[in-house]
Amino acid sequence: MDKRDREKLDDVLNQLQNTQRNMLGGLYGDFFGSGSTSNGSGATGNSPFGGVPVTGNSTGNRPSANVQGGSDVDPLEDAKNALNEFNTKVNEATANGVRPATKTADNEENAEPKEPEEDPMETLDKLVGLDTIKGDVKELTNFVKIQKTRKDAGLKSVPVSLHLVFTGNPGTGKTTVARIISKLYKNIGVLSKGQLVETDRSGLVAGYVGQTAIKTQELIKKAMGGVLFIDEAYALSQKDDAFGQEAIDTILKAMEDHRDDLVVIVAGYTEPMEKFINSNPGLKSRFNKYIEFPDYTIDELMEIFDMNCKKYDYVIEDETKQHVKELITQRKLASNGNFANAREIRNLFEEIITNQASRIAGIEDLKPEDMMKITNEDLFDKAPVDEDKHDSKADVKPGDEKKAADNKSDVQEKTDDKSDDPEKADNKMDDQEKDEVKTDDQE
């Protein structure tokens, strides 16, 4: 065997030994170094895979192929065959459930299986209402996608500002849509991670000079590769507010330095947000896309309530559902324009299921249907009331006012009949007083 063949043989043998060590690790020990000895007949001792036919002398812990003088066997071919058979044994062991005792394998076995994420566009389509918003988001996403595709193809692309201004009242879906956009941007390749980092003034501003920039930079670092969502962003721009201005300046610099892997979405009430953007030339030049989130209609709010019921396994009958709709209408009218939309529905839902829990808590042998059903009784708080200070109108349920009015009308008709009857005109005073007391009780 010449020197060149010997080098090739050594290389193959080294591959064999390295592969063995990497694949088997601590589970089987050193495959060729713990009890595996050549006996000249092809047996290899206590190999966990039944032995690899490596024979002849060995150098250290490394197996040696047939190199006896005068042999017709090609040593290089013999070593390659040994490596191939070894790999075959490893594959068979893996197929039978044997794994190397490595940290990576342990992590994979202990990790909980992840559910596949829903396509963000499908998530968008499932949102209640927001038809205009859905159209805006799809239009924006398509434009960004095509511009990126043009750029990748070597064509000139129109510069696109990915940063957005969301305006509207609370509970109109701004945060939810921001999260969807972050995933859409990742899917089309304009963001590397697609996570959403939510914050407001308190998460950006510190109490000492110089600390705000550090605090803001830390949050920006968390948002890199995704979306930084700043709620009520106009709170950063207040009169004589050096800390807020420091946060704004830090954000603007990050938007410039990391324009290819950071998106900033600012959100809040419509008028304050417009003033906020227009107050700073840097903000105005970077935020030129506005998306207005309208309030939900009563029917849409009711649909959101139904979704909460289905999500948490509650059942509500049609009659009770109508009363819930009346409650939503009353609360929205009484809010004077400050209705919190979906957030208000969430609060109402929690109130109702809390009342339901109090109603059924004393029932023995509760059945699943008992725990699922929402009734009219669950729509109102059952807290004890001081009878002396009790206002009878406080506990009037939707639909009861009409019944009370009808009862009052019937009583009034009976009273009028009595006054028109000549035979009853001379009733004693005490009888008249009794009638008056009776009338008051029915009202």
Foldseek 3Di string as FASTA:
>chain_A
DDPVLVVLLVVLQVVLQVVQCVFAPPPQPRQQQPQFDADQPQATGPHPLRHQRFHDDDDHSTTFHDDDPPDPDRRSVRSVSSSVVVVVSSVVCVVVPDGHPDPVVVCVVPDDDDDDDDQLLVVVVPAQDPPVVNVVLVVLLVLVLVQVVCVVVVHHGDDDQQAEEEADAAPLCPVVVLLSSLVSCCVSPQFVPSGEAEDEPVQQFDDDPPVSLVSLVVSQVVQWRTEYEYEPLLVLDDPPRPRSVSSVVSVLVCCVVRVRHYYYYYYYHDPSVVCSQVVDPSSVVNYDHYDYRYADDLVSLLVLLVVVLVVVQADEDPVLSVLVSVVVVVVVVVPVPNDNHNVVSVVQSVQLLVLLCVVCVPPPPDDSNSSRYGDNSSNDDPDDDDPVPDDPVPPQGVPVVVVLVVQLVVLVVVVVVQCPDPVNVPDDPVVVVVSVVVSVVSD
